[in-house]
C-alpha atoms as a PDB file:
ATOM      1  CA  MET A   1      10.875 -11.956   8.082  1.00  0.00           C
ATOM      2  CA  PHE A   2      14.104 -13.300   8.084  1.00  0.00           C
ATOM      3  CA  VAL A   3      13.764 -15.031   4.859  1.00  0.00           C
ATOM      4  CA  THR A   4      11.838 -12.415   3.015  1.00  0.00           C
ATOM      5  CA  GLN A   5      13.700  -9.317   3.883  1.00  0.00           C
ATOM      6  CA  ASP A   6      17.223 -10.896   4.995  1.00  0.00           C
ATOM      7  CA  VAL A   7      17.583 -13.448   2.599  1.00  0.00           C
ATOM      8  CA  VAL A   8      15.139 -12.899  -0.592  1.00  0.00           C
ATOM      9  CA  LEU A   9      15.418  -8.840  -0.659  1.00  0.00           C
ATOM     10  CA  ARG A  10      19.092  -8.894  -0.528  1.00  0.00           C
ATOM     11  CA  PHE A  11      19.751 -11.295  -2.947  1.00  0.00           C
ATOM     12  CA  PHE A  12      17.449 -10.529  -5.696  1.00  0.00           C
ATOM     13  CA  PHE A  13      18.104  -6.744  -5.748  1.00  0.00           C
ATOM     14  CA  ARG A  14      21.111  -5.055  -5.843  1.00  0.00           C
ATOM     15  CA  LYS A  15      20.435  -1.776  -4.564  1.00  0.00           C
ATOM     16  CA  LYS A  16      17.336  -0.358  -2.618  1.00  0.00           C
ATOM     17  CA  LYS A  17      16.246   3.404  -1.680  1.00  0.00           C
ATOM     18  CA  ILE A  18      13.617   4.494   0.095  1.00  0.00           C
ATOM     19  CA  LEU A  19      12.762   8.169  -0.075  1.00  0.00           C
ATOM     20  CA  LYS A  20      11.381   9.486   3.063  1.00  0.00           C
ATOM     21  CA  ASN A  21      10.608  13.439   1.960  1.00  0.00           C
ATOM     22  CA  GLY A  22      10.196  14.838   5.537  1.00  0.00           C
ATOM     23  CA  PHE A  23       7.714  11.640   6.104  1.00  0.00           C
ATOM     24  CA  SER A  24       7.384  10.802  10.080  1.00  0.00           C
ATOM     25  CA  ILE A  25       4.400   8.465  11.140  1.00  0.00           C
ATOM     26  CA  PRO A  26       1.553  10.218  12.427  1.00  0.00           C
ATOM     27  CA  ILE A  27       1.288   9.662  16.394  1.00  0.00           C
ATOM     28  CA  ASN A  28      -2.020   8.662  17.464  1.00  0.00           C
ATOM     29  CA  SER A  29      -3.641   8.177  13.974  1.00  0.00           C
ATOM     30  CA  SER A  30      -4.323   4.576  12.414  1.00  0.00           C
ATOM     31  CA  ILE A  31      -2.808   4.459   8.938  1.00  0.00           C
ATOM     32  CA  ILE A  32      -3.825   3.248   5.443  1.00  0.00           C
ATOM     33  CA  LEU A  33      -0.737   2.905   2.996  1.00  0.00           C
ATOM     34  CA  ALA A  34      -2.254   3.774  -0.618  1.00  0.00           C
ATOM     35  CA  PRO A  35       0.689   2.432  -2.888  1.00  0.00           C
ATOM     36  CA  THR A  36       1.108   2.031  -6.667  1.00  0.00           C
ATOM     37  CA  HIS A  37       1.287  -1.544  -7.490  1.00  0.00           C
ATOM     38  CA  ARG A  38       3.622  -2.634 -10.112  1.00  0.00           C
ATOM     39  CA  SER A  39       4.948  -5.873  -8.920  1.00  0.00           C
ATOM     40  CA  ARG A  40       4.405  -8.864  -6.768  1.00  0.00           C
ATOM     41  CA  TRP A  41       7.664  -7.706  -5.212  1.00  0.00           C
ATOM     42  CA  ASP A  42       5.306  -4.778  -3.687  1.00  0.00           C
ATOM     43  CA  GLY A  43       4.443  -6.535  -0.472  1.00  0.00           C
ATOM     44  CA  LEU A  44       7.843  -7.744   0.322  1.00  0.00           C
ATOM     45  CA  ILE A  45       9.370  -4.050  -0.395  1.00  0.00           C
ATOM     46  CA  LEU A  46       6.432  -2.078   1.662  1.00  0.00           C
ATOM     47  CA  THR A  47       7.029  -4.295   4.826  1.00  0.00           C
ATOM     48  CA  MET A  48      10.901  -3.822   4.543  1.00  0.00           C
ATOM     49  CA  ALA A  49       9.856   0.040   4.460  1.00  0.00           C
ATOM     50  CA  MET A  50       7.160  -0.104   7.119  1.00  0.00           C
ATOM     51  CA  GLY A  51       6.806  -3.291   8.853  1.00  0.00           C
ATOM     52  CA  ARG A  52       7.486  -4.567  12.393  1.00  0.00           C
ATOM     53  CA  ARG A  53      11.118  -3.915  12.191  1.00  0.00           C
ATOM     54  CA  VAL A  54      10.595  -0.284  11.373  1.00  0.00           C
ATOM     55  CA  THR A  55       7.123   0.888  13.312  1.00  0.00           C
ATOM     56  CA  LYS A  56       6.905  -2.356  15.424  1.00  0.00           C
ATOM     57  CA  LYS A  57       3.603  -2.947  13.615  1.00  0.00           C
ATOM     58  CA  ASP A  58       2.863  -5.713  10.538  1.00  0.00           C
ATOM     59  CA  CYS A  59       1.221  -5.001   7.052  1.00  0.00           C
ATOM     60  CA  ARG A  60      -2.043  -6.154   6.895  1.00  0.00           C
ATOM     61  CA  PHE A  61      -2.674  -6.199   2.780  1.00  0.00           C
ATOM     62  CA  MET A  62      -6.207  -6.174   1.363  1.00  0.00           C
ATOM     63  CA  VAL A  63      -5.892  -8.289  -1.665  1.00  0.00           C
ATOM     64  CA  THR A  64      -8.549  -9.454  -4.119  1.00  0.00           C
ATOM     65  CA  LYS A  65     -10.034 -12.720  -3.812  1.00  0.00           C
ATOM     66  CA  SER A  66      -8.211 -14.372  -7.035  1.00  0.00           C
ATOM     67  CA  GLU A  67      -4.941 -13.812  -5.512  1.00  0.00           C
ATOM     68  CA  MET A  68      -5.139 -15.747  -2.470  1.00  0.00           C
ATOM     69  CA  ARG A  69      -5.710 -19.167  -4.429  1.00  0.00           C
ATOM     70  CA  GLY A  70      -3.290 -22.312  -4.407  1.00  0.00           C
ATOM     71  CA  ILE A  71       0.319 -21.614  -3.034  1.00  0.00           C
ATOM     72  CA  GLN A  72       0.669 -18.047  -3.763  1.00  0.00           C
ATOM     73  CA  GLY A  73      -2.771 -17.351  -1.587  1.00  0.00           C
ATOM     74  CA  TRP A  74      -0.959 -19.602   1.213  1.00  0.00           C
ATOM     75  CA  PHE A  75       2.372 -17.805   1.061  1.00  0.00           C
ATOM     76  CA  LEU A  76      -0.089 -14.729   1.236  1.00  0.00           C
ATOM     77  CA  LYS A  77      -2.013 -15.553   3.919  1.00  0.00           C
ATOM     78  CA  ARG A  78       1.621 -15.841   5.960  1.00  0.00           C
ATOM     79  CA  LEU A  79       2.484 -12.385   4.852  1.00  0.00           C
ATOM     80  CA  GLY A  80      -0.455 -10.612   6.376  1.00  0.00           C
ATOM     81  CA  CYS A  81      -3.039 -10.598   3.700  1.00  0.00           C
ATOM     82  CA  PHE A  82      -6.390 -11.017   3.239  1.00  0.00           C
ATOM     83  CA  SER A  83      -8.907 -11.190   0.483  1.00  0.00           C
ATOM     84  CA  ILE A  84     -11.955  -9.019  -0.298  1.00  0.00           C
ATOM     85  CA  ASN A  85     -14.446  -9.160  -3.376  1.00  0.00           C
ATOM     86  CA  GLN A  86     -13.963  -5.749  -5.032  1.00  0.00           C
ATOM     87  CA  LEU A  87     -17.277  -5.836  -6.986  1.00  0.00           C
ATOM     88  CA  SER A  88     -18.882  -6.759  -3.824  1.00  0.00           C
ATOM     89  CA  PRO A  89     -17.293  -7.039  -0.353  1.00  0.00           C
ATOM     90  CA  SER A  90     -18.775  -9.104   2.246  1.00  0.00           C
ATOM     91  CA  LEU A  91     -19.794  -7.719   5.339  1.00  0.00           C
ATOM     92  CA  SER A  92     -17.221  -9.928   7.569  1.00  0.00           C
ATOM     93  CA  ALA A  93     -14.672  -8.384   5.255  1.00  0.00           C
ATOM     94  CA  LEU A  94     -15.242  -4.697   5.890  1.00  0.00           C
ATOM     95  CA  ARG A  95     -15.820  -5.677   9.543  1.00  0.00           C
ATOM     96  CA  TYR A  96     -12.802  -7.188   9.348  1.00  0.00           C
ATOM     97  CA  ALA A  97     -10.543  -4.029   7.971  1.00  0.00           C
ATOM     98  CA  ILE A  98     -12.454  -1.465  10.175  1.00  0.00           C
ATOM     99  CA  ASN A  99     -11.391  -3.564  12.871  1.00  0.00           C
ATOM    100  CA  LEU A 100      -7.804  -3.680  12.105  1.00  0.00           C
ATOM    101  CA  ILE A 101      -8.059   0.199  11.566  1.00  0.00           C
ATOM    102  CA  GLU A 102      -9.608   0.484  14.769  1.00  0.00           C
ATOM    103  CA  LYS A 103      -7.015  -1.105  16.392  1.00  0.00           C
ATOM    104  CA  GLY A 104      -4.360   0.419  14.797  1.00  0.00           C
ATOM    105  CA  GLU A 105      -2.827  -1.713  12.663  1.00  0.00           C
ATOM    106  CA  GLN A 106      -1.152  -0.531   9.149  1.00  0.00           C
ATOM    107  CA  LEU A 107      -3.444  -1.570   6.502  1.00  0.00           C
ATOM    108  CA  VAL A 108      -2.170  -1.416   3.259  1.00  0.00           C
ATOM    109  CA  VAL A 109      -4.886  -0.727   0.404  1.00  0.00           C
ATOM    110  CA  PHE A 110      -3.510  -0.993  -3.690  1.00  0.00           C
ATOM    111  CA  PRO A 111      -6.193   1.663  -4.815  1.00  0.00           C
ATOM    112  CA  GLU A 112      -5.371   0.533  -8.615  1.00  0.00           C
ATOM    113  CA  GLY A 113      -7.666  -2.632  -7.522  1.00  0.00           C
ATOM    114  CA  LYS A 114      -4.774  -4.856  -9.653  1.00  0.00           C
ATOM    115  CA  ILE A 115      -0.748  -4.480 -10.876  1.00  0.00           C
ATOM    116  CA  ASN A 116      -0.732  -2.207 -13.348  1.00  0.00           C
ATOM    117  CA  ARG A 117       3.199  -2.832 -14.555  1.00  0.00           C
ATOM    118  CA  TYR A 118       3.734   0.102 -16.937  1.00  0.00           C
ATOM    119  CA  GLY A 119       1.852   2.665 -14.897  1.00  0.00           C
ATOM    120  CA  LYS A 120      -1.092   3.557 -17.211  1.00  0.00           C
ATOM    121  CA  LYS A 121      -3.323   6.259 -16.182  1.00  0.00           C
ATOM    122  CA  LEU A 122      -6.220   4.380 -14.191  1.00  0.00           C
ATOM    123  CA  VAL A 123      -9.474   5.213 -12.638  1.00  0.00           C
ATOM    124  CA  LEU A 124      -8.634   4.236  -8.753  1.00  0.00           C
ATOM    125  CA  LYS A 125     -11.439   1.785  -6.791  1.00  0.00           C
ATOM    126  CA  GLU A 126     -13.645   3.516  -4.275  1.00  0.00           C
ATOM    127  CA  GLY A 127     -13.158   0.936  -1.918  1.00  0.00           C
ATOM    128  CA  LEU A 128     -10.286   2.738   0.249  1.00  0.00           C
ATOM    129  CA  TYR A 129     -12.099   6.028   0.327  1.00  0.00           C
ATOM    130  CA  ARG A 130     -15.728   4.403   1.543  1.00  0.00           C
ATOM    131  CA  LEU A 131     -13.807   2.014   3.913  1.00  0.00           C
ATOM    132  CA  ALA A 132     -11.794   4.584   5.562  1.00  0.00           C
ATOM    133  CA  ARG A 133     -15.021   6.974   6.047  1.00  0.00           C
ATOM    134  CA  LEU A 134     -16.862   3.581   7.563  1.00  0.00           C
ATOM    135  CA  ALA A 135     -13.871   3.262   9.960  1.00  0.00           C
ATOM    136  CA  THR A 136     -13.921   7.073  11.383  1.00  0.00           C
ATOM    137  CA  LYS A 137     -17.028   5.961  13.244  1.00  0.00           C
ATOM    138  CA  LYS A 138     -14.704   3.602  15.409  1.00  0.00           C
ATOM    139  CA  LYS A 139     -11.673   5.460  15.085  1.00  0.00           C
ATOM    140  CA  THR A 140     -11.397   9.430  14.788  1.00  0.00           C
ATOM    141  CA  SER A 141      -8.325   9.636  13.492  1.00  0.00           C
ATOM    142  CA  ILE A 142      -7.595   8.117  10.336  1.00  0.00           C
ATOM    143  CA  THR A 143      -4.396   8.845   7.782  1.00  0.00           C
ATOM    144  CA  ILE A 144      -3.451   7.722   4.349  1.00  0.00           C
ATOM    145  CA  ILE A 145      -0.336   7.569   3.126  1.00  0.00           C
ATOM    146  CA  PRO A 146       0.428   7.810  -0.564  1.00  0.00           C
ATOM    147  CA  ILE A 147       3.306   6.083  -1.395  1.00  0.00           C
ATOM    148  CA  GLY A 148       4.961   5.426  -5.154  1.00  0.00           C
ATOM    149  CA  ILE A 149       6.898   2.579  -6.111  1.00  0.00           C
ATOM    150  CA  ALA A 150       9.411   1.787  -9.134  1.00  0.00           C
ATOM    151  CA  TYR A 151      11.613  -0.568 -10.283  1.00  0.00           C
ATOM    152  CA  SER A 152      14.720   0.014 -12.486  1.00  0.00           C
ATOM    153  CA  LYS A 153      13.287  -2.672 -15.175  1.00  0.00           C
ATOM    154  CA  ILE A 154       9.758  -4.230 -16.083  1.00  0.00           C
ATOM    155  CA  PRO A 155       9.450  -6.375 -14.770  1.00  0.00           C
ATOM    156  CA  PRO A 156      11.892  -6.236 -11.649  1.00  0.00           C
ATOM    157  CA  ASN A 157      15.098  -8.313 -12.586  1.00  0.00           C
ATOM    158  CA  PHE A 158      17.802  -9.953 -10.940  1.00  0.00           C
ATOM    159  CA  ARG A 159      20.083  -7.584  -9.190  1.00  0.00           C
ATOM    160  CA  GLY A 160      18.125  -4.679 -10.771  1.00  0.00           C
ATOM    161  CA  GLU A 161      16.985  -1.781  -8.201  1.00  0.00           C
ATOM    162  CA  PHE A 162      13.887  -0.503  -6.678  1.00  0.00           C
ATOM    163  CA  CYS A 163      12.733   2.649  -5.266  1.00  0.00           C
ATOM    164  CA  LEU A 164       9.746   3.423  -2.657  1.00  0.00           C
ATOM    165  CA  SER A 165       8.794   7.235  -2.220  1.00  0.00           C
ATOM    166  CA  PHE A 166       6.758   8.406   0.735  1.00  0.00           C
ATOM    167  CA  GLY A 167       4.201  11.234  -0.045  1.00  0.00           C
ATOM    168  CA  LYS A 168       2.890  13.596   2.514  1.00  0.00           C
ATOM    169  CA  PRO A 169       0.015  12.251   4.779  1.00  0.00           C
ATOM    170  CA  ILE A 170      -3.419  12.918   4.078  1.00  0.00           C
ATOM    171  CA  PRO A 171      -5.768  13.276   7.341  1.00  0.00           C
ATOM    172  CA  ILE A 172      -8.980  11.694   6.045  1.00  0.00           C
ATOM    173  CA  ASN A 173     -11.325  14.234   8.114  1.00  0.00           C
ATOM    174  CA  ASP A 174      -9.693  16.809   6.502  1.00  0.00           C
ATOM    175  CA  TYR A 175     -11.488  15.561   3.210  1.00  0.00           C
ATOM    176  CA  SER A 176     -14.945  14.447   5.041  1.00  0.00           C
ATOM    177  CA  ASN A 177     -16.701  16.937   2.499  1.00  0.00           C
ATOM    178  CA  PHE A 178     -15.376  15.347  -0.536  1.00  0.00           C
ATOM    179  CA  THR A 179     -17.109  12.814  -3.183  1.00  0.00           C
ATOM    180  CA  ILE A 180     -15.275   9.638  -3.881  1.00  0.00           C
ATOM    181  CA  LYS A 181     -14.207  10.651  -7.459  1.00  0.00           C
ATOM    182  CA  ASP A 182     -12.647  13.751  -6.218  1.00  0.00           C
ATOM    183  CA  PHE A 183     -10.481  12.376  -3.472  1.00  0.00           C
ATOM    184  CA  ASN A 184      -9.701   9.405  -5.573  1.00  0.00           C
ATOM    185  CA  ILE A 185      -8.463  12.258  -8.204  1.00  0.00           C
ATOM    186  CA  LEU A 186      -6.789  14.277  -5.094  1.00  0.00           C
ATOM    187  CA  LEU A 187      -4.870  10.629  -4.340  1.00  0.00           C
ATOM    188  CA  HIS A 188      -4.434   9.536  -7.596  1.00  0.00           C
ATOM    189  CA  GLN A 189      -2.298  13.156  -8.112  1.00  0.00           C
ATOM    190  CA  LYS A 190      -0.215  12.139  -5.157  1.00  0.00           C
ATOM    191  CA  MET A 191       0.660   8.728  -5.630  1.00  0.00           C
ATOM    192  CA  THR A 192       1.527   9.880  -9.282  1.00  0.00           C
ATOM    193  CA  LYS A 193       4.019  12.600  -7.904  1.00  0.00           C
ATOM    194  CA  GLU A 194       5.563  10.309  -5.602  1.00  0.00           C
ATOM    195  CA  GLU A 195       6.075   7.397  -8.307  1.00  0.00           C
ATOM    196  CA  GLU A 196       7.438  10.391 -10.589  1.00  0.00           C
ATOM    197  CA  LYS A 197      10.570  10.758  -7.879  1.00  0.00           C
ATOM    198  CA  ALA A 198      10.866   6.875  -7.492  1.00  0.00           C
ATOM    199  CA  LEU A 199      11.108   6.525 -11.315  1.00  0.00           C
ATOM    200  CA  LYS A 200      13.767   9.023 -11.479  1.00  0.00           C
ATOM    201  CA  ASN A 201      15.924   7.600  -8.632  1.00  0.00           C
ATOM    202  CA  VAL A 202      15.913   4.068 -10.645  1.00  0.00           C
ATOM    203  CA  GLY A 203      17.218   5.945 -13.686  1.00  0.00           C
ATOM    204  CA  ARG A 204      13.645   5.356 -15.759  1.00  0.00           C
END
């Protein structure tokens, strides 16, 4: 925590902005953070904004198996990441994610499924909504938080800026009758709205 938050982020970035937009952490509800994915810095930034120092809980990141290889995988594992096969998720990985939700941990899922540096419109992966619906069998209250992340330059440059913008929480039970496609359209709109706010705040 000290190395990543107090040394690396402070040294690399000149300025940071966090737009709460009236956001407050939902009480008695498990949280799934759903951010845009623009850089490998995203994980450190989310941990700064919603990690142990702020919420008294760690962020647990669901990432692809390819990202957990080699030195990067070693580092990511120690940041609270675990892997899942997007094409064919294993039962053990799903159980692990659901257990985290049930215990009230903060699960981070990047709905775009990969780093999307230039913010091109992508069809969101189906996993987040499926996972949230499965988890409602174990936990009655689950809230998804749409988040927009933006950097002053692509890719993020030394002494650049970043901004993170929180959207209005989405209680999953309010959308239990939605199809995956309809829910992903809604979520994409909310993520895009927050990213537009973040982009404006870094001068893009």
